[in-house]
Protein backbone atom coordinates (compact mmCIF):
# COMPACT_ATOMS: atom_id res chain seq x y z
CA UNK A 1 17.16 17.32 -0.91
CA UNK A 2 17.29 13.95 -1.86
CA UNK A 3 16.17 12.86 -5.32
CA UNK A 4 15.12 9.25 -5.69
CA UNK A 5 15.53 8.23 -9.46
CA UNK A 6 13.04 5.77 -10.83
CA UNK A 7 16.01 3.46 -11.43
CA UNK A 8 16.92 3.79 -8.01
CA UNK A 9 13.45 2.49 -6.50
CA UNK A 10 13.48 -0.74 -4.77
CA UNK A 11 10.87 -3.38 -5.83
CA UNK A 12 9.37 -5.91 -3.27
CA UNK A 13 6.68 -8.46 -4.16
CA UNK A 14 4.51 -9.87 -1.43
CA UNK A 15 0.93 -11.46 -1.82
CA UNK A 16 0.88 -11.15 -5.57
CA UNK A 17 1.39 -7.35 -5.67
CA UNK A 18 4.54 -5.21 -6.19
CA UNK A 19 5.59 -2.58 -3.84
CA UNK A 20 8.11 0.04 -5.49
CA UNK A 21 9.79 1.99 -2.78
CA UNK A 22 11.11 5.62 -2.86
CA UNK A 23 10.54 7.38 0.26
CA UNK A 24 12.41 5.33 3.11
CA UNK A 25 14.76 5.99 5.89
CA UNK A 26 17.24 4.55 3.29
CA UNK A 27 16.83 7.02 0.99
CA UNK A 28 16.88 10.11 3.29
CA UNK A 29 13.27 10.23 4.37
CA UNK A 30 12.94 11.25 8.41
CA UNK A 31 9.49 10.71 8.85
CA UNK A 32 7.44 9.48 6.07
CA UNK A 33 7.42 6.29 3.57
CA UNK A 34 5.85 6.67 0.09
CA UNK A 35 5.60 3.77 -2.62
CA UNK A 36 3.75 2.88 -5.70
CA UNK A 37 1.70 -0.46 -5.54
CA UNK A 38 0.98 -2.40 -8.17
CA UNK A 39 -2.08 -4.82 -7.96
CA UNK A 40 -2.25 -7.26 -10.61
CA UNK A 41 -5.56 -8.12 -12.20
CA UNK A 42 -7.49 -10.85 -10.13
CA UNK A 43 -5.35 -10.24 -6.99
CA UNK A 44 -7.06 -10.69 -3.65
CA UNK A 45 -4.61 -9.45 -0.76
CA UNK A 46 -5.41 -10.88 2.77
CA UNK A 47 -6.99 -8.59 5.27
CA UNK A 48 -4.45 -6.63 7.56
CA UNK A 49 -4.64 -4.19 10.36
CA UNK A 50 -2.46 -1.17 10.17
CA UNK A 51 -0.50 0.55 13.23
CA UNK A 52 0.07 3.81 11.23
CA UNK A 53 -2.14 6.14 9.23
CA UNK A 54 -1.97 5.50 5.48
CA UNK A 55 -2.99 7.41 2.68
CA UNK A 56 -4.05 5.34 -0.43
CA UNK A 57 -4.43 7.20 -3.73
CA UNK A 58 -5.59 5.22 -6.67
CA UNK A 59 -3.55 6.68 -9.99
CA UNK A 60 -5.16 3.98 -12.32
CA UNK A 61 -7.47 1.08 -12.60
CA UNK A 62 -10.10 0.08 -10.25
CA UNK A 63 -10.20 -1.98 -7.04
CA UNK A 64 -12.78 -3.10 -4.21
CA UNK A 65 -11.47 -1.94 -0.62
CA UNK A 66 -12.79 -3.36 2.56
CA UNK A 67 -12.31 -1.19 5.25
CA UNK A 68 -13.23 -2.44 8.42
CA UNK A 69 -16.65 -3.86 7.38
CA UNK A 70 -17.46 -1.35 4.52
CA UNK A 71 -16.73 -2.07 1.04
CA UNK A 72 -16.05 0.39 -1.47
CA UNK A 73 -15.24 0.25 -5.31
CA UNK A 74 -12.95 2.84 -5.85
CA UNK A 75 -11.34 4.26 -9.31
CA UNK A 76 -8.43 6.29 -10.55
CA UNK A 77 -8.23 9.50 -8.87
CA UNK A 78 -9.94 8.37 -5.36
CA UNK A 79 -8.17 8.45 -2.23
CA UNK A 80 -8.57 6.33 0.80
CA UNK A 81 -7.53 7.81 4.34
CA UNK A 82 -6.61 4.45 6.31
CA UNK A 83 -6.55 5.39 10.27
CA UNK A 84 -4.35 3.25 12.84
CA UNK A 85 -6.33 0.17 14.06
CA UNK A 86 -8.34 -0.25 10.61
CA UNK A 87 -8.46 -3.52 8.91
CA UNK A 88 -7.84 -3.44 5.22
CA UNK A 89 -8.23 -5.73 2.51
CA UNK A 90 -7.39 -5.10 -1.23
CA UNK A 91 -8.89 -6.72 -4.27
CA UNK A 92 -8.50 -6.38 -7.93
CA UNK A 93 -11.57 -7.85 -9.89
CA UNK A 94 -10.67 -6.21 -12.90
CA UNK A 95 -8.47 -7.28 -15.91
CA UNK A 96 -5.97 -5.21 -15.77
CA UNK A 97 -3.35 -3.93 -13.44
CA UNK A 98 -4.30 -0.94 -10.76
CA UNK A 99 -1.74 1.52 -9.74
CA UNK A 100 -1.46 3.18 -6.50
CA UNK A 101 0.43 5.75 -4.55
CA UNK A 102 0.66 5.27 -0.69
CA UNK A 103 2.06 7.17 2.12
CA UNK A 104 2.40 6.54 5.68
CA UNK A 105 4.74 7.28 8.62
CA UNK A 106 8.09 5.43 8.94
CA UNK A 107 7.09 2.18 11.38
CA UNK A 108 4.24 0.77 9.23
CA UNK A 109 3.40 -2.61 10.67
CA UNK A 110 0.32 -4.97 9.30
CA UNK A 111 -1.06 -7.75 11.12
CA UNK A 112 -2.70 -10.38 9.22
CA UNK A 113 -5.93 -11.99 10.43
CA UNK A 114 -3.74 -15.31 11.70
CA UNK A 115 -1.55 -12.86 14.03
CA UNK A 116 1.17 -12.81 11.76
CA UNK A 117 2.87 -9.17 11.97
CA UNK A 118 4.71 -8.02 8.72
CA UNK A 119 7.05 -5.20 8.66
CA UNK A 120 7.34 -4.28 5.24
CA UNK A 121 10.80 -3.24 4.17
CA UNK A 122 9.41 -0.24 1.91
CA UNK A 123 7.76 1.20 4.96
CA UNK A 124 10.71 1.03 7.39
């Protein structure tokens, strides 16, 4: 059983948020990826459509999540199930950083509204 120490996690930053990856193929995972997301106050990430199911659990803080055409205010302890093909945007309208935990299958890609495809290194 691989143990990934917090000191070994790899940090990536994109669109104003920080992604700290723990479970990836590089750390020994065969099917799943998992990371901690840090969404600073005032951050509004661009809308993107995912090709894999994601489980998004908010550990701390509060966010506005728009999933397809429905906007939800979520707070610590809430979990979202984001199905493949869903369009997601995340906004932190508060004055403190929100912390999330996300799990998905290896191979996640996100397509921005302009057609740009992002293959996040923390999910592949």
